[in-house]
Amino acid sequence: MTTRIVTDANGRNYITTEPLPAKIIDYEAAYYALQKRIDALEALLERQTARIVELQEHIENFDGEDR
């Protein structure tokens, strides 16, 4: 069993060993899956942005020669 700190409606903290409700666990799993996907999409966006900048620089330096 996992021990965790819980805050009640009055703002008091207490320690419990009660398991989390299944619905909360489902939401937590979905949150982490979405966060992982967001991180992957942000990395993709960074790579694509860098590629666009490279292509823009190449176009600006293009003088008609094959390189």
PDB file of N, CA and C in Angstrom:
ATOM      1  N   MET A   1       0.835  -1.174   0.000  1.00  0.00           N
ATOM      2  CA  MET A   1       0.000   0.000   0.000  1.00  0.00           C
ATOM      3  C   MET A   1       0.886   1.245   0.000  1.00  0.00           C
ATOM      4  N   THR A   2       0.439   2.267  -0.695  1.00  0.00           N
ATOM      5  CA  THR A   2       1.192   3.506  -0.810  1.00  0.00           C
ATOM      6  C   THR A   2       0.656   4.530   0.173  1.00  0.00           C
ATOM      7  N   THR A   3       1.554   5.177   0.869  1.00  0.00           N
ATOM      8  CA  THR A   3       1.175   6.253   1.780  1.00  0.00           C
ATOM      9  C   THR A   3       1.230   7.560   1.007  1.00  0.00           C
ATOM     10  N   ARG A   4       0.204   8.388   1.188  1.00  0.00           N
ATOM     11  CA  ARG A   4       0.185   9.674   0.498  1.00  0.00           C
ATOM     12  C   ARG A   4      -0.440  10.732   1.399  1.00  0.00           C
ATOM     13  N   ILE A   5      -0.169  11.984   1.081  1.00  0.00           N
ATOM     14  CA  ILE A   5      -0.729  13.108   1.830  1.00  0.00           C
ATOM     15  C   ILE A   5      -1.938  13.622   1.072  1.00  0.00           C
ATOM     16  N   VAL A   6      -3.030  13.811   1.781  1.00  0.00           N
ATOM     17  CA  VAL A   6      -4.287  14.268   1.190  1.00  0.00           C
ATOM     18  C   VAL A   6      -4.693  15.556   1.888  1.00  0.00           C
ATOM     19  N   THR A   7      -5.257  16.494   1.129  1.00  0.00           N
ATOM     20  CA  THR A   7      -5.778  17.742   1.688  1.00  0.00           C
ATOM     21  C   THR A   7      -7.292  17.663   1.685  1.00  0.00           C
ATOM     22  N   ASP A   8      -7.907  17.914   2.845  1.00  0.00           N
ATOM     23  CA  ASP A   8      -9.369  17.849   2.917  1.00  0.00           C
ATOM     24  C   ASP A   8      -9.981  19.177   2.476  1.00  0.00           C
ATOM     25  N   ALA A   9     -11.298  19.248   2.497  1.00  0.00           N
ATOM     26  CA  ALA A   9     -12.019  20.432   2.029  1.00  0.00           C
ATOM     27  C   ALA A   9     -11.684  21.682   2.836  1.00  0.00           C
ATOM     28  N   ASN A  10     -11.225  21.514   4.096  1.00  0.00           N
ATOM     29  CA  ASN A  10     -10.879  22.660   4.940  1.00  0.00           C
ATOM     30  C   ASN A  10      -9.415  23.057   4.829  1.00  0.00           C
ATOM     31  N   GLY A  11      -8.681  22.406   3.943  1.00  0.00           N
ATOM     32  CA  GLY A  11      -7.281  22.743   3.725  1.00  0.00           C
ATOM     33  C   GLY A  11      -6.322  22.041   4.663  1.00  0.00           C
ATOM     34  N   ARG A  12      -6.808  21.106   5.463  1.00  0.00           N
ATOM     35  CA  ARG A  12      -5.940  20.366   6.378  1.00  0.00           C
ATOM     36  C   ARG A  12      -5.323  19.170   5.661  1.00  0.00           C
ATOM     37  N   ASN A  13      -4.061  18.947   5.898  1.00  0.00           N
ATOM     38  CA  ASN A  13      -3.362  17.804   5.315  1.00  0.00           C
ATOM     39  C   ASN A  13      -3.378  16.638   6.288  1.00  0.00           C
ATOM     40  N   TYR A  14      -3.524  15.457   5.772  1.00  0.00           N
ATOM     41  CA  TYR A  14      -3.409  14.259   6.593  1.00  0.00           C
ATOM     42  C   TYR A  14      -2.826  13.131   5.748  1.00  0.00           C
ATOM     43  N   ILE A  15      -2.302  12.145   6.426  1.00  0.00           N
ATOM     44  CA  ILE A  15      -1.661  11.012   5.759  1.00  0.00           C
ATOM     45  C   ILE A  15      -2.662   9.870   5.676  1.00  0.00           C
ATOM     46  N   THR A  16      -2.709   9.222   4.515  1.00  0.00           N
ATOM     47  CA  THR A  16      -3.612   8.090   4.335  1.00  0.00           C
ATOM     48  C   THR A  16      -2.898   6.985   3.572  1.00  0.00           C
ATOM     49  N   THR A  17      -3.371   5.784   3.760  1.00  0.00           N
ATOM     50  CA  THR A  17      -2.868   4.648   2.988  1.00  0.00           C
ATOM     51  C   THR A  17      -3.972   4.079   2.103  1.00  0.00           C
ATOM     52  N   GLU A  18      -5.091   4.801   2.013  1.00  0.00           N
ATOM     53  CA  GLU A  18      -6.190   4.361   1.167  1.00  0.00           C
ATOM     54  C   GLU A  18      -5.767   4.450  -0.296  1.00  0.00           C
ATOM     55  N   PRO A  19      -6.155   3.464  -1.091  1.00  0.00           N
ATOM     56  CA  PRO A  19      -5.806   3.530  -2.518  1.00  0.00           C
ATOM     57  C   PRO A  19      -6.592   4.632  -3.215  1.00  0.00           C
ATOM     58  N   LEU A  20      -6.031   5.129  -4.288  1.00  0.00           N
ATOM     59  CA  LEU A  20      -6.737   6.133  -5.084  1.00  0.00           C
ATOM     60  C   LEU A  20      -7.931   5.479  -5.772  1.00  0.00           C
ATOM     61  N   PRO A  21      -9.010   6.218  -5.940  1.00  0.00           N
ATOM     62  CA  PRO A  21     -10.138   5.667  -6.700  1.00  0.00           C
ATOM     63  C   PRO A  21      -9.707   5.351  -8.136  1.00  0.00           C
ATOM     64  N   ALA A  22     -10.290   4.321  -8.713  1.00  0.00           N
ATOM     65  CA  ALA A  22      -9.918   3.875 -10.064  1.00  0.00           C
ATOM     66  C   ALA A  22     -10.065   4.988 -11.093  1.00  0.00           C
ATOM     67  N   LYS A  23     -11.089   5.812 -10.963  1.00  0.00           N
ATOM     68  CA  LYS A  23     -11.305   6.883 -11.931  1.00  0.00           C
ATOM     69  C   LYS A  23     -10.151   7.886 -11.911  1.00  0.00           C
ATOM     70  N   ILE A  24      -9.648   8.208 -10.726  1.00  0.00           N
ATOM     71  CA  ILE A  24      -8.515   9.128 -10.623  1.00  0.00           C
ATOM     72  C   ILE A  24      -7.281   8.501 -11.260  1.00  0.00           C
ATOM     73  N   ILE A  25      -7.075   7.237 -11.040  1.00  0.00           N
ATOM     74  CA  ILE A  25      -5.929   6.551 -11.643  1.00  0.00           C
ATOM     75  C   ILE A  25      -6.050   6.596 -13.163  1.00  0.00           C
ATOM     76  N   ASP A  26      -7.275   6.388 -13.697  1.00  0.00           N
ATOM     77  CA  ASP A  26      -7.492   6.473 -15.145  1.00  0.00           C
ATOM     78  C   ASP A  26      -7.167   7.863 -15.664  1.00  0.00           C
ATOM     79  N   TYR A  27      -7.629   8.887 -14.948  1.00  0.00           N
ATOM     80  CA  TYR A  27      -7.350  10.261 -15.361  1.00  0.00           C
ATOM     81  C   TYR A  27      -5.857  10.556 -15.307  1.00  0.00           C
ATOM     82  N   GLU A  28      -5.189  10.054 -14.281  1.00  0.00           N
ATOM     83  CA  GLU A  28      -3.754  10.277 -14.151  1.00  0.00           C
ATOM     84  C   GLU A  28      -3.007   9.616 -15.299  1.00  0.00           C
ATOM     85  N   ALA A  29      -3.390   8.411 -15.655  1.00  0.00           N
ATOM     86  CA  ALA A  29      -2.753   7.716 -16.775  1.00  0.00           C
ATOM     87  C   ALA A  29      -2.993   8.473 -18.079  1.00  0.00           C
ATOM     88  N   ALA A  30      -4.196   8.963 -18.274  1.00  0.00           N
ATOM     89  CA  ALA A  30      -4.513   9.724 -19.478  1.00  0.00           C
ATOM     90  C   ALA A  30      -3.713  11.018 -19.514  1.00  0.00           C
ATOM     91  N   TYR A  31      -3.579  11.673 -18.370  1.00  0.00           N
ATOM     92  CA  TYR A  31      -2.798  12.910 -18.296  1.00  0.00           C
ATOM     93  C   TYR A  31      -1.352  12.666 -18.715  1.00  0.00           C
ATOM     94  N   TYR A  32      -0.732  11.628 -18.158  1.00  0.00           N
ATOM     95  CA  TYR A  32       0.660  11.360 -18.498  1.00  0.00           C
ATOM     96  C   TYR A  32       0.825  10.932 -19.956  1.00  0.00           C
ATOM     97  N   ALA A  33      -0.146  10.214 -20.490  1.00  0.00           N
ATOM     98  CA  ALA A  33      -0.090   9.846 -21.906  1.00  0.00           C
ATOM     99  C   ALA A  33      -0.194  11.088 -22.786  1.00  0.00           C
ATOM    100  N   LEU A  34      -1.099  11.996 -22.426  1.00  0.00           N
ATOM    101  CA  LEU A  34      -1.229  13.237 -23.194  1.00  0.00           C
ATOM    102  C   LEU A  34       0.018  14.102 -23.060  1.00  0.00           C
ATOM    103  N   GLN A  35       0.587  14.159 -21.870  1.00  0.00           N
ATOM    104  CA  GLN A  35       1.797  14.955 -21.670  1.00  0.00           C
ATOM    105  C   GLN A  35       2.950  14.408 -22.507  1.00  0.00           C
ATOM    106  N   LYS A  36       3.057  13.099 -22.579  1.00  0.00           N
ATOM    107  CA  LYS A  36       4.092  12.470 -23.407  1.00  0.00           C
ATOM    108  C   LYS A  36       3.893  12.822 -24.878  1.00  0.00           C
ATOM    109  N   ARG A  37       2.643  12.793 -25.337  1.00  0.00           N
ATOM    110  CA  ARG A  37       2.338  13.142 -26.726  1.00  0.00           C
ATOM    111  C   ARG A  37       2.636  14.615 -26.994  1.00  0.00           C
ATOM    112  N   ILE A  38       2.288  15.490 -26.054  1.00  0.00           N
ATOM    113  CA  ILE A  38       2.572  16.924 -26.206  1.00  0.00           C
ATOM    114  C   ILE A  38       4.073  17.147 -26.305  1.00  0.00           C
ATOM    115  N   ASP A  39       4.853  16.478 -25.464  1.00  0.00           N
ATOM    116  CA  ASP A  39       6.309  16.613 -25.513  1.00  0.00           C
ATOM    117  C   ASP A  39       6.848  16.179 -26.870  1.00  0.00           C
ATOM    118  N   ALA A  40       6.316  15.076 -27.410  1.00  0.00           N
ATOM    119  CA  ALA A  40       6.765  14.595 -28.719  1.00  0.00           C
ATOM    120  C   ALA A  40       6.405  15.597 -29.811  1.00  0.00           C
ATOM    121  N   LEU A  41       5.219  16.176 -29.741  1.00  0.00           N
ATOM    122  CA  LEU A  41       4.801  17.160 -30.746  1.00  0.00           C
ATOM    123  C   LEU A  41       5.621  18.439 -30.646  1.00  0.00           C
ATOM    124  N   GLU A  42       5.966  18.860 -29.435  1.00  0.00           N
ATOM    125  CA  GLU A  42       6.811  20.040 -29.275  1.00  0.00           C
ATOM    126  C   GLU A  42       8.202  19.802 -29.857  1.00  0.00           C
ATOM    127  N   ALA A  43       8.737  18.600 -29.659  1.00  0.00           N
ATOM    128  CA  ALA A  43      10.041  18.265 -30.229  1.00  0.00           C
ATOM    129  C   ALA A  43       9.970  18.269 -31.752  1.00  0.00           C
ATOM    130  N   LEU A  44       8.888  17.727 -32.301  1.00  0.00           N
ATOM    131  CA  LEU A  44       8.691  17.730 -33.748  1.00  0.00           C
ATOM    132  C   LEU A  44       8.619  19.159 -34.276  1.00  0.00           C
ATOM    133  N   LEU A  45       7.885  20.010 -33.579  1.00  0.00           N
ATOM    134  CA  LEU A  45       7.762  21.409 -33.974  1.00  0.00           C
ATOM    135  C   LEU A  45       9.119  22.100 -33.979  1.00  0.00           C
ATOM    136  N   GLU A  46       9.936  21.831 -32.962  1.00  0.00           N
ATOM    137  CA  GLU A  46      11.284  22.416 -32.912  1.00  0.00           C
ATOM    138  C   GLU A  46      12.126  21.971 -34.097  1.00  0.00           C
ATOM    139  N   ARG A  47      12.085  20.674 -34.410  1.00  0.00           N
ATOM    140  CA  ARG A  47      12.870  20.161 -35.549  1.00  0.00           C
ATOM    141  C   ARG A  47      12.394  20.761 -36.867  1.00  0.00           C
ATOM    142  N   GLN A  48      11.088  20.852 -37.037  1.00  0.00           N
ATOM    143  CA  GLN A  48      10.551  21.395 -38.280  1.00  0.00           C
ATOM    144  C   GLN A  48      10.861  22.887 -38.408  1.00  0.00           C
ATOM    145  N   THR A  49      10.806  23.603 -37.298  1.00  0.00           N
ATOM    146  CA  THR A  49      11.150  25.024 -37.318  1.00  0.00           C
ATOM    147  C   THR A  49      12.607  25.214 -37.703  1.00  0.00           C
ATOM    148  N   ALA A  50      13.491  24.393 -37.145  1.00  0.00           N
ATOM    149  CA  ALA A  50      14.914  24.472 -37.494  1.00  0.00           C
ATOM    150  C   ALA A  50      15.119  24.169 -38.974  1.00  0.00           C
ATOM    151  N   ARG A  51      14.384  23.194 -39.496  1.00  0.00           N
ATOM    152  CA  ARG A  51      14.492  22.845 -40.921  1.00  0.00           C
ATOM    153  C   ARG A  51      14.016  23.994 -41.795  1.00  0.00           C
ATOM    154  N   ILE A  52      12.930  24.656 -41.412  1.00  0.00           N
ATOM    155  CA  ILE A  52      12.430  25.803 -42.178  1.00  0.00           C
ATOM    156  C   ILE A  52      13.459  26.920 -42.193  1.00  0.00           C
ATOM    157  N   VAL A  53      14.079  27.186 -41.048  1.00  0.00           N
ATOM    158  CA  VAL A  53      15.112  28.228 -40.981  1.00  0.00           C
ATOM    159  C   VAL A  53      16.275  27.871 -41.901  1.00  0.00           C
ATOM    160  N   GLU A  54      16.696  26.609 -41.891  1.00  0.00           N
ATOM    161  CA  GLU A  54      17.769  26.175 -42.790  1.00  0.00           C
ATOM    162  C   GLU A  54      17.399  26.409 -44.251  1.00  0.00           C
ATOM    163  N   LEU A  55      16.183  26.048 -44.618  1.00  0.00           N
ATOM    164  CA  LEU A  55      15.740  26.230 -46.000  1.00  0.00           C
ATOM    165  C   LEU A  55      15.644  27.706 -46.371  1.00  0.00           C
ATOM    166  N   GLN A  56      15.177  28.535 -45.439  1.00  0.00           N
ATOM    167  CA  GLN A  56      15.115  29.971 -45.716  1.00  0.00           C
ATOM    168  C   GLN A  56      16.510  30.539 -45.935  1.00  0.00           C
ATOM    169  N   GLU A  57      17.484  30.119 -45.136  1.00  0.00           N
ATOM    170  CA  GLU A  57      18.857  30.584 -45.305  1.00  0.00           C
ATOM    171  C   GLU A  57      19.424  30.107 -46.632  1.00  0.00           C
ATOM    172  N   HIS A  58      19.102  28.881 -47.006  1.00  0.00           N
ATOM    173  CA  HIS A  58      19.568  28.352 -48.286  1.00  0.00           C
ATOM    174  C   HIS A  58      18.980  29.154 -49.442  1.00  0.00           C
ATOM    175  N   ILE A  59      17.696  29.491 -49.368  1.00  0.00           N
ATOM    176  CA  ILE A  59      17.050  30.279 -50.421  1.00  0.00           C
ATOM    177  C   ILE A  59      17.679  31.668 -50.497  1.00  0.00           C
ATOM    178  N   GLU A  60      17.952  32.276 -49.353  1.00  0.00           N
ATOM    179  CA  GLU A  60      18.554  33.610 -49.336  1.00  0.00           C
ATOM    180  C   GLU A  60      19.957  33.589 -49.930  1.00  0.00           C
ATOM    181  N   ASN A  61      20.678  32.476 -49.776  1.00  0.00           N
ATOM    182  CA  ASN A  61      22.045  32.378 -50.287  1.00  0.00           C
ATOM    183  C   ASN A  61      22.109  31.766 -51.678  1.00  0.00           C
ATOM    184  N   PHE A  62      20.979  31.403 -52.233  1.00  0.00           N
ATOM    185  CA  PHE A  62      20.946  30.742 -53.526  1.00  0.00           C
ATOM    186  C   PHE A  62      21.392  31.710 -54.607  1.00  0.00           C
ATOM    187  N   ASP A  63      22.389  31.297 -55.390  1.00  0.00           N
ATOM    188  CA  ASP A  63      22.871  32.159 -56.463  1.00  0.00           C
ATOM    189  C   ASP A  63      22.787  31.478 -57.817  1.00  0.00           C
ATOM    190  N   GLY A  64      21.991  30.421 -57.900  1.00  0.00           N
ATOM    191  CA  GLY A  64      21.791  29.754 -59.180  1.00  0.00           C
ATOM    192  C   GLY A  64      22.730  28.574 -59.420  1.00  0.00           C
ATOM    193  N   GLU A  65      23.652  28.322 -58.526  1.00  0.00           N
ATOM    194  CA  GLU A  65      24.573  27.199 -58.687  1.00  0.00           C
ATOM    195  C   GLU A  65      24.037  25.971 -57.964  1.00  0.00           C
ATOM    196  N   ASP A  66      24.391  24.805 -58.484  1.00  0.00           N
ATOM    197  CA  ASP A  66      24.075  23.579 -57.759  1.00  0.00           C
ATOM    198  C   ASP A  66      25.115  23.412 -56.677  1.00  0.00           C
ATOM    199  N   ARG A  67      24.669  23.041 -55.523  1.00  0.00           N
ATOM    200  CA  ARG A  67      25.608  22.868 -54.415  1.00  0.00           C
ATOM    201  C   ARG A  67      25.613  21.452 -53.968  1.00  0.00           C
TER     202      ARG A  67
END
